[in-house]
C-alpha cells in the first residue's frame, strides 16, 4: 500500500459488525488507488471512516429490504459501494461518466467481493428511459433542483430520491421546493442518520416523487 490505512473507528466496528472485513478492503482501496486515481484527496485518508465510508453507509436505513437503487455520479463508490457493503440485500447500480472511475469501481467491487453491484458508464441523463429503480441516491453531485433533473426520470412511477446533504439541507430544500414540485415532487423530508456511530450524523433530503404517467 502507498498510504497507511486508518484503522476502523469504534463506530465502524459497531455499525458493520460481521461486514467489517468488506469495509476494510474498501478503505484500503480508497487509501491507495482511490488517491492515485484522484477519487479522493490524500488529506481525506485520515478521516476515511467518519467522513466517507460511515458517512455514506449509515443512510442504509432509508431503504427497505431488497430495495433496488441507482447511485448517480458514484465516483469512488460513495454512497453506492458503502451501502452494498452494509446491506448485501440491496441491488445497487452505480452510474458514473468517467471511464477511469468506472474501471476503478469494477475492480474494487471484484476485490471487495460484491455481487449485487453493477457499474454503468455514462451521465445520468443518458440512461433516461433505459434504467429505472424505486430509489435513486447521490452525494455531493449538485444542488437539489439540478440533481432532480438528472435523477427524477430514473425513478419508477412513485419513487424516492435520497440525496446526501450537509448542514444546509433544510435551507437548500426550502430554496428549491417550488422547482422540485414542477418536476413531480409530492413531499420532501430531511432525515438524520448514524447519530449512534458518527460524531456528526449524516443528513439526507428524501424527495417523494410521482410521475404523471
N, C-alpha and C. Protein backbone atom coordinates (compact mmCIF):
# COMPACT_ATOMS: atom_id res chain seq x y z
N UNK A 1 0.83 -1.20 0.00
CA UNK A 1 0.00 0.00 0.00
C UNK A 1 0.87 1.25 0.00
N UNK A 2 0.44 2.29 -0.68
CA UNK A 2 1.21 3.51 -0.73
C UNK A 2 0.91 4.43 0.45
N UNK A 3 -0.19 4.19 1.13
CA UNK A 3 -0.61 5.05 2.22
C UNK A 3 -1.07 4.19 3.38
N UNK A 4 -0.77 4.65 4.60
CA UNK A 4 -1.27 3.95 5.77
C UNK A 4 -2.78 4.05 5.81
N UNK A 5 -3.43 2.94 6.05
CA UNK A 5 -4.89 2.91 6.12
C UNK A 5 -5.30 3.10 7.57
N UNK A 6 -6.15 4.07 7.87
CA UNK A 6 -6.57 4.25 9.26
C UNK A 6 -7.39 3.06 9.74
N UNK A 7 -7.21 2.66 10.99
CA UNK A 7 -8.00 1.54 11.49
C UNK A 7 -9.47 1.92 11.61
N UNK A 8 -10.37 0.95 11.56
CA UNK A 8 -11.80 1.25 11.70
C UNK A 8 -12.09 1.93 13.04
N UNK A 9 -12.97 2.88 13.01
CA UNK A 9 -13.39 3.55 14.24
C UNK A 9 -14.26 2.61 15.06
N UNK A 10 -14.46 2.97 16.31
CA UNK A 10 -15.35 2.17 17.17
C UNK A 10 -16.74 2.11 16.55
N UNK A 11 -17.17 3.25 15.99
CA UNK A 11 -18.48 3.29 15.34
C UNK A 11 -18.56 2.34 14.15
N UNK A 12 -17.46 2.22 13.40
CA UNK A 12 -17.43 1.31 12.26
C UNK A 12 -17.55 -0.13 12.72
N UNK A 13 -16.88 -0.48 13.80
CA UNK A 13 -16.99 -1.83 14.36
C UNK A 13 -18.44 -2.12 14.72
N UNK A 14 -19.08 -1.16 15.38
CA UNK A 14 -20.46 -1.37 15.82
C UNK A 14 -21.42 -1.45 14.64
N UNK A 15 -21.21 -0.57 13.68
CA UNK A 15 -22.14 -0.47 12.56
C UNK A 15 -22.03 -1.65 11.60
N UNK A 16 -20.83 -1.98 11.16
CA UNK A 16 -20.65 -3.01 10.14
C UNK A 16 -20.71 -4.43 10.69
N UNK A 17 -20.29 -4.63 11.94
CA UNK A 17 -20.34 -5.97 12.51
C UNK A 17 -19.56 -6.97 11.67
N UNK A 18 -20.22 -8.05 11.29
CA UNK A 18 -19.54 -9.10 10.52
C UNK A 18 -19.20 -8.66 9.10
N UNK A 19 -19.75 -7.53 8.66
CA UNK A 19 -19.43 -7.00 7.33
C UNK A 19 -18.18 -6.11 7.36
N UNK A 20 -17.58 -5.92 8.53
CA UNK A 20 -16.43 -5.03 8.65
C UNK A 20 -15.27 -5.42 7.73
N UNK A 21 -14.91 -6.71 7.57
CA UNK A 21 -13.80 -7.04 6.67
C UNK A 21 -13.99 -6.50 5.25
N UNK A 22 -15.23 -6.51 4.76
CA UNK A 22 -15.51 -5.95 3.44
C UNK A 22 -15.25 -4.44 3.43
N UNK A 23 -15.67 -3.78 4.49
CA UNK A 23 -15.47 -2.34 4.59
C UNK A 23 -13.98 -2.00 4.69
N UNK A 24 -13.22 -2.86 5.36
CA UNK A 24 -11.78 -2.63 5.48
C UNK A 24 -11.08 -2.75 4.14
N UNK A 25 -11.52 -3.68 3.30
CA UNK A 25 -10.95 -3.77 1.95
C UNK A 25 -11.26 -2.50 1.18
N UNK A 26 -12.48 -2.01 1.29
CA UNK A 26 -12.88 -0.77 0.62
C UNK A 26 -12.01 0.39 1.10
N UNK A 27 -11.80 0.49 2.41
CA UNK A 27 -10.97 1.56 2.97
C UNK A 27 -9.54 1.49 2.42
N UNK A 28 -9.01 0.28 2.33
CA UNK A 28 -7.64 0.10 1.83
C UNK A 28 -7.54 0.53 0.37
N UNK A 29 -8.55 0.21 -0.42
CA UNK A 29 -8.56 0.60 -1.83
C UNK A 29 -8.67 2.12 -1.98
N UNK A 30 -9.53 2.72 -1.20
CA UNK A 30 -9.67 4.18 -1.25
C UNK A 30 -8.38 4.88 -0.88
N UNK A 31 -7.70 4.35 0.15
CA UNK A 31 -6.46 4.98 0.63
C UNK A 31 -5.32 4.80 -0.35
N UNK A 32 -5.39 3.80 -1.20
CA UNK A 32 -4.31 3.51 -2.14
C UNK A 32 -4.67 4.02 -3.54
N UNK A 33 -5.28 3.18 -4.35
CA UNK A 33 -5.59 3.58 -5.72
C UNK A 33 -6.69 4.63 -5.80
N UNK A 34 -7.52 4.73 -4.75
CA UNK A 34 -8.51 5.79 -4.73
C UNK A 34 -7.86 7.17 -4.74
N UNK A 35 -6.72 7.28 -4.07
CA UNK A 35 -5.97 8.53 -4.06
C UNK A 35 -5.22 8.72 -5.37
N UNK A 36 -4.53 7.67 -5.82
CA UNK A 36 -3.73 7.80 -7.05
C UNK A 36 -4.60 8.03 -8.29
N UNK A 37 -5.85 7.59 -8.24
CA UNK A 37 -6.78 7.82 -9.35
C UNK A 37 -7.54 9.15 -9.20
N UNK A 38 -7.27 9.88 -8.14
CA UNK A 38 -7.92 11.16 -7.94
C UNK A 38 -9.36 11.08 -7.48
N UNK A 39 -9.75 9.93 -6.91
CA UNK A 39 -11.12 9.77 -6.44
C UNK A 39 -11.34 10.43 -5.08
N UNK A 40 -10.31 10.41 -4.26
CA UNK A 40 -10.34 11.17 -3.01
C UNK A 40 -8.98 11.85 -2.86
N UNK A 41 -8.94 12.93 -2.09
CA UNK A 41 -7.69 13.64 -1.87
C UNK A 41 -6.85 12.95 -0.81
N UNK A 42 -5.53 13.08 -0.87
CA UNK A 42 -4.66 12.44 0.13
C UNK A 42 -4.96 12.88 1.55
N UNK A 43 -5.43 14.10 1.72
CA UNK A 43 -5.76 14.58 3.06
C UNK A 43 -7.01 13.93 3.63
N UNK A 44 -7.77 13.27 2.77
CA UNK A 44 -9.00 12.63 3.22
C UNK A 44 -8.76 11.25 3.83
N UNK A 45 -7.57 10.71 3.62
CA UNK A 45 -7.31 9.34 4.07
C UNK A 45 -7.47 9.18 5.58
N UNK A 46 -6.99 10.15 6.33
CA UNK A 46 -7.03 10.03 7.80
C UNK A 46 -8.46 10.05 8.34
N UNK A 47 -9.39 10.56 7.54
CA UNK A 47 -10.79 10.65 8.00
C UNK A 47 -11.72 9.79 7.14
N UNK A 48 -11.13 8.76 6.52
CA UNK A 48 -11.90 7.90 5.61
C UNK A 48 -13.16 7.33 6.25
N UNK A 49 -13.03 6.81 7.45
CA UNK A 49 -14.17 6.13 8.07
C UNK A 49 -15.29 7.09 8.40
N UNK A 50 -14.99 8.15 9.13
CA UNK A 50 -16.03 9.09 9.56
C UNK A 50 -16.60 9.89 8.38
N UNK A 51 -15.70 10.43 7.57
CA UNK A 51 -16.12 11.39 6.55
C UNK A 51 -16.70 10.72 5.30
N UNK A 52 -16.26 9.51 5.01
CA UNK A 52 -16.67 8.90 3.75
C UNK A 52 -17.44 7.58 3.91
N UNK A 53 -16.78 6.56 4.44
CA UNK A 53 -17.40 5.24 4.44
C UNK A 53 -18.62 5.18 5.35
N UNK A 54 -18.44 5.51 6.62
CA UNK A 54 -19.58 5.50 7.55
C UNK A 54 -20.59 6.57 7.19
N UNK A 55 -20.11 7.74 6.82
CA UNK A 55 -20.98 8.85 6.46
C UNK A 55 -22.00 8.44 5.41
N UNK A 56 -21.56 7.57 4.48
CA UNK A 56 -22.46 7.10 3.43
C UNK A 56 -23.26 5.87 3.85
N UNK A 57 -22.58 4.93 4.51
CA UNK A 57 -23.23 3.66 4.82
C UNK A 57 -24.43 3.82 5.75
N UNK A 58 -24.39 4.82 6.63
CA UNK A 58 -25.46 4.95 7.63
C UNK A 58 -26.81 5.31 7.02
N UNK A 59 -26.84 5.73 5.76
CA UNK A 59 -28.16 6.04 5.18
C UNK A 59 -28.88 4.77 4.73
N UNK A 60 -28.31 3.60 5.05
CA UNK A 60 -28.95 2.33 4.68
C UNK A 60 -30.35 2.21 5.25
N UNK A 61 -30.63 2.92 6.35
CA UNK A 61 -31.96 2.83 6.95
C UNK A 61 -33.03 3.56 6.14
N UNK A 62 -32.62 4.18 5.03
CA UNK A 62 -33.59 4.84 4.15
C UNK A 62 -34.19 3.89 3.13
N UNK A 63 -33.69 2.64 3.08
CA UNK A 63 -34.11 1.70 2.05
C UNK A 63 -34.70 0.43 2.66
N UNK A 64 -35.82 -0.04 2.14
CA UNK A 64 -36.44 -1.27 2.66
C UNK A 64 -35.66 -2.51 2.22
N UNK A 65 -36.02 -3.64 2.78
CA UNK A 65 -35.37 -4.91 2.43
C UNK A 65 -35.45 -5.16 0.92
N UNK A 66 -34.30 -5.56 0.35
CA UNK A 66 -34.26 -5.94 -1.05
C UNK A 66 -34.46 -4.81 -2.04
N UNK A 67 -34.27 -3.58 -1.60
CA UNK A 67 -34.51 -2.44 -2.49
C UNK A 67 -33.51 -2.41 -3.65
N UNK A 68 -33.97 -1.85 -4.75
CA UNK A 68 -33.12 -1.61 -5.92
C UNK A 68 -32.88 -0.11 -6.02
N UNK A 69 -31.61 0.28 -6.16
CA UNK A 69 -31.32 1.71 -6.18
C UNK A 69 -30.23 2.03 -7.19
N UNK A 70 -30.25 3.29 -7.64
CA UNK A 70 -29.25 3.81 -8.57
C UNK A 70 -28.47 4.90 -7.85
N UNK A 71 -27.15 4.81 -7.88
CA UNK A 71 -26.27 5.81 -7.29
C UNK A 71 -25.72 6.66 -8.43
N UNK A 72 -26.13 7.91 -8.50
CA UNK A 72 -25.77 8.80 -9.61
C UNK A 72 -24.49 9.56 -9.28
N UNK A 73 -23.56 9.59 -10.23
CA UNK A 73 -22.28 10.25 -10.01
C UNK A 73 -21.49 9.54 -8.93
N UNK A 74 -21.40 8.23 -9.04
CA UNK A 74 -20.89 7.40 -7.96
C UNK A 74 -19.44 7.70 -7.58
N UNK A 75 -18.62 8.06 -8.55
CA UNK A 75 -17.24 8.43 -8.25
C UNK A 75 -16.45 7.30 -7.61
N UNK A 76 -16.17 7.44 -6.33
CA UNK A 76 -15.41 6.44 -5.58
C UNK A 76 -16.32 5.38 -4.96
N UNK A 77 -17.56 5.29 -5.44
CA UNK A 77 -18.49 4.32 -4.87
C UNK A 77 -19.15 4.82 -3.61
N UNK A 78 -19.25 6.13 -3.50
CA UNK A 78 -19.86 6.75 -2.33
C UNK A 78 -21.11 7.52 -2.76
N UNK A 79 -22.27 7.07 -2.35
CA UNK A 79 -22.52 6.09 -1.30
C UNK A 79 -22.74 4.64 -1.74
N UNK A 80 -22.80 4.37 -3.06
CA UNK A 80 -23.27 3.08 -3.54
C UNK A 80 -22.54 1.86 -3.01
N UNK A 81 -21.21 1.87 -3.07
CA UNK A 81 -20.44 0.70 -2.60
C UNK A 81 -20.56 0.56 -1.09
N UNK A 82 -20.49 1.68 -0.38
CA UNK A 82 -20.64 1.63 1.08
C UNK A 82 -21.98 1.03 1.47
N UNK A 83 -23.05 1.37 0.74
CA UNK A 83 -24.37 0.81 1.02
C UNK A 83 -24.42 -0.68 0.72
N UNK A 84 -23.78 -1.08 -0.37
CA UNK A 84 -23.78 -2.50 -0.74
C UNK A 84 -23.02 -3.34 0.28
N UNK A 85 -22.00 -2.75 0.88
CA UNK A 85 -21.26 -3.47 1.93
C UNK A 85 -22.14 -3.61 3.16
N UNK A 86 -22.79 -2.53 3.56
CA UNK A 86 -23.63 -2.55 4.76
C UNK A 86 -24.87 -3.41 4.58
N UNK A 87 -25.40 -3.43 3.35
CA UNK A 87 -26.66 -4.11 3.08
C UNK A 87 -26.55 -5.00 1.85
N UNK A 88 -26.09 -6.25 2.03
CA UNK A 88 -25.95 -7.15 0.88
C UNK A 88 -27.27 -7.52 0.23
N UNK A 89 -28.39 -7.15 0.85
CA UNK A 89 -29.70 -7.42 0.24
C UNK A 89 -30.06 -6.40 -0.82
N UNK A 90 -29.36 -5.28 -0.87
CA UNK A 90 -29.67 -4.23 -1.84
C UNK A 90 -29.12 -4.56 -3.22
N UNK A 91 -29.87 -4.18 -4.25
CA UNK A 91 -29.37 -4.26 -5.63
C UNK A 91 -28.95 -2.84 -6.02
N UNK A 92 -27.66 -2.66 -6.24
CA UNK A 92 -27.11 -1.31 -6.43
C UNK A 92 -26.56 -1.13 -7.84
N UNK A 93 -26.97 -0.04 -8.48
CA UNK A 93 -26.48 0.31 -9.81
C UNK A 93 -25.71 1.63 -9.71
N UNK A 94 -24.43 1.59 -10.06
CA UNK A 94 -23.58 2.77 -9.99
C UNK A 94 -23.52 3.43 -11.37
N UNK A 95 -23.85 4.71 -11.44
CA UNK A 95 -23.80 5.46 -12.69
C UNK A 95 -22.68 6.49 -12.58
N UNK A 96 -21.70 6.40 -13.46
CA UNK A 96 -20.52 7.26 -13.41
C UNK A 96 -20.03 7.50 -14.84
N UNK A 97 -19.83 8.75 -15.25
CA UNK A 97 -19.46 9.02 -16.65
C UNK A 97 -17.99 8.79 -17.00
N UNK A 98 -17.08 8.87 -16.03
CA UNK A 98 -15.66 8.81 -16.35
C UNK A 98 -15.14 7.37 -16.41
N UNK A 99 -14.53 7.02 -17.55
CA UNK A 99 -14.06 5.65 -17.74
C UNK A 99 -13.06 5.23 -16.67
N UNK A 100 -12.14 6.11 -16.32
CA UNK A 100 -11.13 5.77 -15.31
C UNK A 100 -11.79 5.38 -13.99
N UNK A 101 -12.86 6.08 -13.66
CA UNK A 101 -13.56 5.79 -12.41
C UNK A 101 -14.37 4.51 -12.51
N UNK A 102 -15.02 4.29 -13.65
CA UNK A 102 -15.81 3.05 -13.77
C UNK A 102 -14.90 1.83 -13.74
N UNK A 103 -13.72 1.95 -14.33
CA UNK A 103 -12.78 0.83 -14.28
C UNK A 103 -12.32 0.57 -12.84
N UNK A 104 -12.09 1.65 -12.11
CA UNK A 104 -11.71 1.50 -10.70
C UNK A 104 -12.85 0.85 -9.91
N UNK A 105 -14.06 1.28 -10.16
CA UNK A 105 -15.22 0.72 -9.46
C UNK A 105 -15.38 -0.77 -9.75
N UNK A 106 -15.24 -1.15 -11.01
CA UNK A 106 -15.35 -2.57 -11.36
C UNK A 106 -14.31 -3.39 -10.62
N UNK A 107 -13.09 -2.88 -10.58
CA UNK A 107 -12.01 -3.59 -9.89
C UNK A 107 -12.27 -3.66 -8.40
N UNK A 108 -12.73 -2.55 -7.82
CA UNK A 108 -13.00 -2.51 -6.37
C UNK A 108 -14.11 -3.47 -5.98
N UNK A 109 -15.16 -3.50 -6.77
CA UNK A 109 -16.29 -4.39 -6.50
C UNK A 109 -15.84 -5.85 -6.48
N UNK A 110 -14.98 -6.20 -7.45
CA UNK A 110 -14.47 -7.57 -7.53
C UNK A 110 -13.60 -7.89 -6.32
N UNK A 111 -12.75 -6.94 -5.94
CA UNK A 111 -11.83 -7.19 -4.82
C UNK A 111 -12.56 -7.28 -3.49
N UNK A 112 -13.58 -6.44 -3.32
CA UNK A 112 -14.36 -6.47 -2.08
C UNK A 112 -15.22 -7.72 -2.02
N UNK A 113 -15.63 -8.21 -3.19
CA UNK A 113 -16.46 -9.40 -3.24
C UNK A 113 -17.95 -9.09 -3.20
N UNK A 114 -18.36 -8.07 -3.96
CA UNK A 114 -19.77 -7.67 -4.00
C UNK A 114 -20.39 -8.16 -5.30
N UNK A 115 -21.43 -8.97 -5.18
CA UNK A 115 -22.08 -9.49 -6.39
C UNK A 115 -23.46 -8.88 -6.61
N UNK A 116 -23.77 -7.82 -5.89
CA UNK A 116 -25.07 -7.17 -6.03
C UNK A 116 -24.93 -5.77 -6.64
N UNK A 117 -23.75 -5.47 -7.17
CA UNK A 117 -23.46 -4.13 -7.68
C UNK A 117 -23.14 -4.19 -9.17
N UNK A 118 -23.74 -3.28 -9.95
CA UNK A 118 -23.48 -3.19 -11.38
C UNK A 118 -23.03 -1.76 -11.70
N UNK A 119 -22.01 -1.65 -12.54
CA UNK A 119 -21.48 -0.33 -12.93
C UNK A 119 -21.97 0.02 -14.33
N UNK A 120 -22.44 1.26 -14.49
CA UNK A 120 -22.89 1.77 -15.79
C UNK A 120 -22.11 3.03 -16.11
N UNK A 121 -21.43 3.06 -17.25
CA UNK A 121 -20.67 4.26 -17.60
C UNK A 121 -21.51 5.21 -18.45
N UNK A 122 -21.62 6.43 -17.98
CA UNK A 122 -22.37 7.45 -18.70
C UNK A 122 -22.94 8.46 -17.73
N UNK A 123 -23.48 9.54 -18.27
CA UNK A 123 -24.15 10.54 -17.44
C UNK A 123 -25.57 10.07 -17.15
N UNK A 124 -26.12 10.52 -16.04
CA UNK A 124 -27.45 10.07 -15.63
C UNK A 124 -28.48 10.27 -16.73
N UNK A 125 -28.42 11.42 -17.41
CA UNK A 125 -29.44 11.71 -18.41
C UNK A 125 -29.35 10.77 -19.61
N UNK A 126 -28.21 10.14 -19.83
CA UNK A 126 -28.08 9.18 -20.92
C UNK A 126 -28.87 7.89 -20.63
N UNK A 127 -29.22 7.69 -19.37
CA UNK A 127 -29.95 6.47 -19.00
C UNK A 127 -31.45 6.70 -18.83
N UNK A 128 -31.91 7.93 -19.09
CA UNK A 128 -33.34 8.19 -19.03
C UNK A 128 -34.06 7.30 -20.03
N UNK A 129 -35.05 6.56 -19.56
CA UNK A 129 -35.78 5.66 -20.42
C UNK A 129 -35.15 4.28 -20.55
N UNK A 130 -33.97 4.10 -19.99
CA UNK A 130 -33.27 2.82 -20.07
C UNK A 130 -33.10 2.15 -18.72
N UNK A 131 -32.81 2.96 -17.70
CA UNK A 131 -32.51 2.43 -16.37
C UNK A 131 -33.44 3.10 -15.36
N UNK A 132 -34.19 2.29 -14.61
CA UNK A 132 -35.09 2.86 -13.60
C UNK A 132 -34.99 2.03 -12.32
N UNK A 133 -35.38 2.65 -11.22
CA UNK A 133 -35.40 1.97 -9.92
C UNK A 133 -36.34 2.72 -9.00
N UNK A 134 -36.78 2.08 -7.92
CA UNK A 134 -37.63 2.77 -6.96
C UNK A 134 -36.89 3.84 -6.17
N UNK A 135 -35.54 3.71 -6.12
CA UNK A 135 -34.74 4.66 -5.35
C UNK A 135 -33.54 5.13 -6.16
N UNK A 136 -33.23 6.42 -6.01
CA UNK A 136 -32.01 6.98 -6.58
C UNK A 136 -31.31 7.74 -5.46
N UNK A 137 -29.99 7.63 -5.41
CA UNK A 137 -29.25 8.36 -4.38
C UNK A 137 -28.06 9.07 -5.02
N UNK A 138 -27.56 10.08 -4.34
CA UNK A 138 -26.41 10.83 -4.84
C UNK A 138 -25.77 11.59 -3.69
N UNK A 139 -24.48 11.80 -3.81
CA UNK A 139 -23.74 12.53 -2.78
C UNK A 139 -22.82 13.55 -3.44
N UNK A 140 -22.92 14.79 -3.01
CA UNK A 140 -22.02 15.85 -3.47
C UNK A 140 -21.97 15.97 -4.99
N UNK A 141 -23.14 15.87 -5.61
CA UNK A 141 -23.20 15.94 -7.07
C UNK A 141 -23.66 17.31 -7.55
N UNK A 142 -24.77 17.79 -7.01
CA UNK A 142 -25.32 19.07 -7.47
C UNK A 142 -26.40 19.54 -6.49
N UNK A 143 -26.84 20.79 -6.67
CA UNK A 143 -27.95 21.31 -5.88
C UNK A 143 -29.21 20.51 -6.20
N UNK A 144 -30.14 20.49 -5.28
CA UNK A 144 -31.31 19.63 -5.40
C UNK A 144 -32.09 19.80 -6.70
N UNK A 145 -32.27 21.04 -7.14
CA UNK A 145 -33.08 21.23 -8.36
C UNK A 145 -32.37 20.67 -9.59
N UNK A 146 -31.05 20.88 -9.68
CA UNK A 146 -30.31 20.32 -10.81
C UNK A 146 -30.24 18.79 -10.69
N UNK A 147 -30.02 18.31 -9.48
CA UNK A 147 -29.96 16.87 -9.25
C UNK A 147 -31.26 16.20 -9.65
N UNK A 148 -32.38 16.85 -9.35
CA UNK A 148 -33.69 16.29 -9.68
C UNK A 148 -33.88 16.13 -11.18
N UNK A 149 -33.36 17.08 -11.96
CA UNK A 149 -33.50 16.97 -13.42
C UNK A 149 -32.80 15.72 -13.95
N UNK A 150 -31.72 15.34 -13.29
CA UNK A 150 -30.99 14.15 -13.70
C UNK A 150 -31.60 12.88 -13.12
N UNK A 151 -32.06 12.98 -11.87
CA UNK A 151 -32.44 11.77 -11.13
C UNK A 151 -33.91 11.40 -11.18
N UNK A 152 -34.81 12.39 -11.17
CA UNK A 152 -36.24 12.06 -11.15
C UNK A 152 -36.64 11.15 -12.31
N UNK A 153 -36.12 11.37 -13.55
CA UNK A 153 -36.51 10.49 -14.65
C UNK A 153 -36.02 9.05 -14.50
N UNK A 154 -35.11 8.80 -13.59
CA UNK A 154 -34.63 7.44 -13.34
C UNK A 154 -35.53 6.69 -12.35
N UNK A 155 -36.42 7.43 -11.71
CA UNK A 155 -37.30 6.82 -10.70
C UNK A 155 -38.52 6.18 -11.34
N UNK A 156 -38.96 5.08 -10.73
CA UNK A 156 -40.21 4.47 -11.14
C UNK A 156 -41.37 5.37 -10.75
N UNK A 157 -42.59 4.98 -11.13
CA UNK A 157 -43.78 5.85 -11.00
C UNK A 157 -43.85 6.58 -9.66
N UNK A 158 -43.73 5.87 -8.57
CA UNK A 158 -43.70 6.50 -7.25
C UNK A 158 -42.38 6.11 -6.59
N UNK A 159 -41.38 6.94 -6.79
CA UNK A 159 -40.04 6.63 -6.29
C UNK A 159 -39.53 7.70 -5.35
N UNK A 160 -38.33 7.47 -4.86
CA UNK A 160 -37.72 8.41 -3.92
C UNK A 160 -36.27 8.69 -4.28
N UNK A 161 -35.92 9.95 -4.28
CA UNK A 161 -34.53 10.36 -4.41
C UNK A 161 -34.00 10.68 -3.03
N UNK A 162 -32.94 9.98 -2.63
CA UNK A 162 -32.32 10.19 -1.32
C UNK A 162 -30.98 10.87 -1.55
N UNK A 163 -30.91 12.16 -1.28
CA UNK A 163 -29.70 12.94 -1.54
C UNK A 163 -28.97 13.24 -0.23
N UNK A 164 -27.68 12.90 -0.18
CA UNK A 164 -26.87 13.21 0.99
C UNK A 164 -26.51 14.69 0.93
N UNK A 165 -26.80 15.40 2.02
CA UNK A 165 -26.56 16.84 2.06
C UNK A 165 -25.89 17.21 3.39
N UNK A 166 -25.35 18.40 3.43
CA UNK A 166 -24.69 18.89 4.63
C UNK A 166 -25.64 19.65 5.54
N UNK A 167 -25.06 20.50 6.37
CA UNK A 167 -25.85 21.23 7.37
C UNK A 167 -26.89 22.15 6.75
N UNK A 168 -26.68 22.52 5.49
CA UNK A 168 -27.61 23.45 4.84
C UNK A 168 -28.78 22.73 4.17
N UNK A 169 -29.00 21.46 4.51
CA UNK A 169 -30.05 20.67 3.86
C UNK A 169 -31.42 21.36 3.90
N UNK A 170 -31.81 21.84 5.08
CA UNK A 170 -33.12 22.49 5.23
C UNK A 170 -33.22 23.73 4.33
N UNK A 171 -32.16 24.55 4.33
CA UNK A 171 -32.18 25.78 3.54
C UNK A 171 -32.22 25.48 2.04
N UNK A 172 -31.44 24.47 1.62
CA UNK A 172 -31.42 24.12 0.20
C UNK A 172 -32.77 23.59 -0.24
N UNK A 173 -33.39 22.79 0.61
CA UNK A 173 -34.71 22.27 0.28
C UNK A 173 -35.72 23.41 0.15
N UNK A 174 -35.68 24.34 1.09
CA UNK A 174 -36.62 25.46 1.06
C UNK A 174 -36.44 26.29 -0.22
N UNK A 175 -35.19 26.43 -0.65
CA UNK A 175 -34.90 27.26 -1.82
C UNK A 175 -35.28 26.58 -3.13
N UNK A 176 -35.44 25.27 -3.11
CA UNK A 176 -35.67 24.54 -4.37
C UNK A 176 -37.02 23.85 -4.45
N UNK A 177 -37.82 23.93 -3.39
CA UNK A 177 -39.09 23.18 -3.35
C UNK A 177 -40.01 23.51 -4.52
N UNK A 178 -40.13 24.79 -4.86
CA UNK A 178 -41.02 25.18 -5.96
C UNK A 178 -40.60 24.51 -7.26
N UNK A 179 -39.31 24.52 -7.55
CA UNK A 179 -38.80 23.89 -8.78
C UNK A 179 -38.99 22.38 -8.72
N UNK A 180 -38.78 21.80 -7.56
CA UNK A 180 -38.93 20.35 -7.42
C UNK A 180 -40.37 19.92 -7.63
N UNK A 181 -41.32 20.71 -7.15
CA UNK A 181 -42.73 20.36 -7.33
C UNK A 181 -43.11 20.35 -8.81
N UNK A 182 -42.52 21.22 -9.59
CA UNK A 182 -42.80 21.24 -11.03
C UNK A 182 -42.30 19.99 -11.73
N UNK A 183 -41.35 19.32 -11.07
CA UNK A 183 -40.77 18.10 -11.66
C UNK A 183 -41.38 16.82 -11.10
N UNK A 184 -42.38 16.97 -10.21
CA UNK A 184 -43.07 15.79 -9.71
C UNK A 184 -42.94 15.52 -8.23
N UNK A 185 -42.31 16.44 -7.50
CA UNK A 185 -42.18 16.25 -6.05
C UNK A 185 -43.54 16.27 -5.38
N UNK A 186 -43.79 15.28 -4.53
CA UNK A 186 -45.00 15.22 -3.73
C UNK A 186 -44.72 15.66 -2.30
N UNK A 187 -43.60 15.17 -1.77
CA UNK A 187 -43.24 15.51 -0.39
C UNK A 187 -41.73 15.36 -0.26
N UNK A 188 -41.14 16.14 0.65
CA UNK A 188 -39.71 16.03 0.91
C UNK A 188 -39.46 16.05 2.41
N UNK A 189 -38.52 15.23 2.85
CA UNK A 189 -38.19 15.14 4.27
C UNK A 189 -36.68 15.25 4.44
N UNK A 190 -36.26 15.95 5.50
CA UNK A 190 -34.85 15.97 5.88
C UNK A 190 -34.67 14.94 6.99
N UNK A 191 -33.74 14.01 6.79
CA UNK A 191 -33.52 12.96 7.77
C UNK A 191 -32.11 12.98 8.31
N UNK A 192 -31.95 12.45 9.51
CA UNK A 192 -30.65 12.34 10.17
C UNK A 192 -30.33 10.87 10.38
N UNK A 193 -29.09 10.47 10.08
CA UNK A 193 -28.70 9.07 10.13
C UNK A 193 -27.37 8.89 10.86
N UNK A 194 -27.27 7.83 11.62
CA UNK A 194 -25.99 7.44 12.20
C UNK A 194 -25.55 8.19 13.44
N UNK A 195 -26.49 8.76 14.17
CA UNK A 195 -26.12 9.53 15.37
C UNK A 195 -25.41 8.67 16.42
N UNK A 196 -25.65 7.36 16.38
CA UNK A 196 -25.05 6.48 17.38
C UNK A 196 -23.64 6.02 17.01
N UNK A 197 -23.22 6.27 15.75
CA UNK A 197 -21.89 5.82 15.34
C UNK A 197 -21.03 6.93 14.75
N UNK A 198 -21.60 8.10 14.54
CA UNK A 198 -20.88 9.24 13.97
C UNK A 198 -20.93 10.43 14.90
N UNK A 199 -19.84 11.18 14.95
CA UNK A 199 -19.83 12.40 15.76
C UNK A 199 -20.83 13.42 15.20
N UNK A 200 -20.90 13.48 13.87
CA UNK A 200 -21.86 14.37 13.20
C UNK A 200 -22.73 13.51 12.29
N UNK A 201 -23.99 13.32 12.62
CA UNK A 201 -24.87 12.46 11.81
C UNK A 201 -24.94 12.93 10.36
N UNK A 202 -25.23 12.01 9.47
CA UNK A 202 -25.40 12.31 8.05
C UNK A 202 -26.81 12.83 7.81
N UNK A 203 -26.93 13.90 7.06
CA UNK A 203 -28.24 14.46 6.72
C UNK A 203 -28.60 14.10 5.28
N UNK A 204 -29.84 13.73 5.08
CA UNK A 204 -30.34 13.46 3.73
C UNK A 204 -31.61 14.26 3.47
N UNK A 205 -31.83 14.55 2.21
CA UNK A 205 -33.13 15.07 1.77
C UNK A 205 -33.76 13.97 0.92
N UNK A 206 -34.90 13.46 1.36
CA UNK A 206 -35.61 12.43 0.60
C UNK A 206 -36.79 13.07 -0.11
N UNK A 207 -36.76 12.99 -1.43
CA UNK A 207 -37.83 13.54 -2.25
C UNK A 207 -38.75 12.41 -2.72
N UNK A 208 -40.00 12.48 -2.34
CA UNK A 208 -41.01 11.52 -2.78
C UNK A 208 -41.59 12.04 -4.09
N UNK A 209 -41.47 11.24 -5.13
CA UNK A 209 -41.80 11.72 -6.48
C UNK A 209 -42.91 10.86 -7.09
N UNK A 210 -43.83 11.53 -7.75
CA UNK A 210 -44.87 10.82 -8.50
C UNK A 210 -44.87 11.36 -9.93
N UNK A 211 -44.63 10.47 -10.88
CA UNK A 211 -44.64 10.88 -12.28
C UNK A 211 -46.07 10.91 -12.80
N UNK A 212 -46.30 11.71 -13.80
CA UNK A 212 -47.65 11.85 -14.35
C UNK A 212 -47.95 10.81 -15.41
N UNK A 213 -47.51 9.59 -15.17
CA UNK A 213 -47.82 8.54 -16.14
C UNK A 213 -48.43 7.35 -15.45
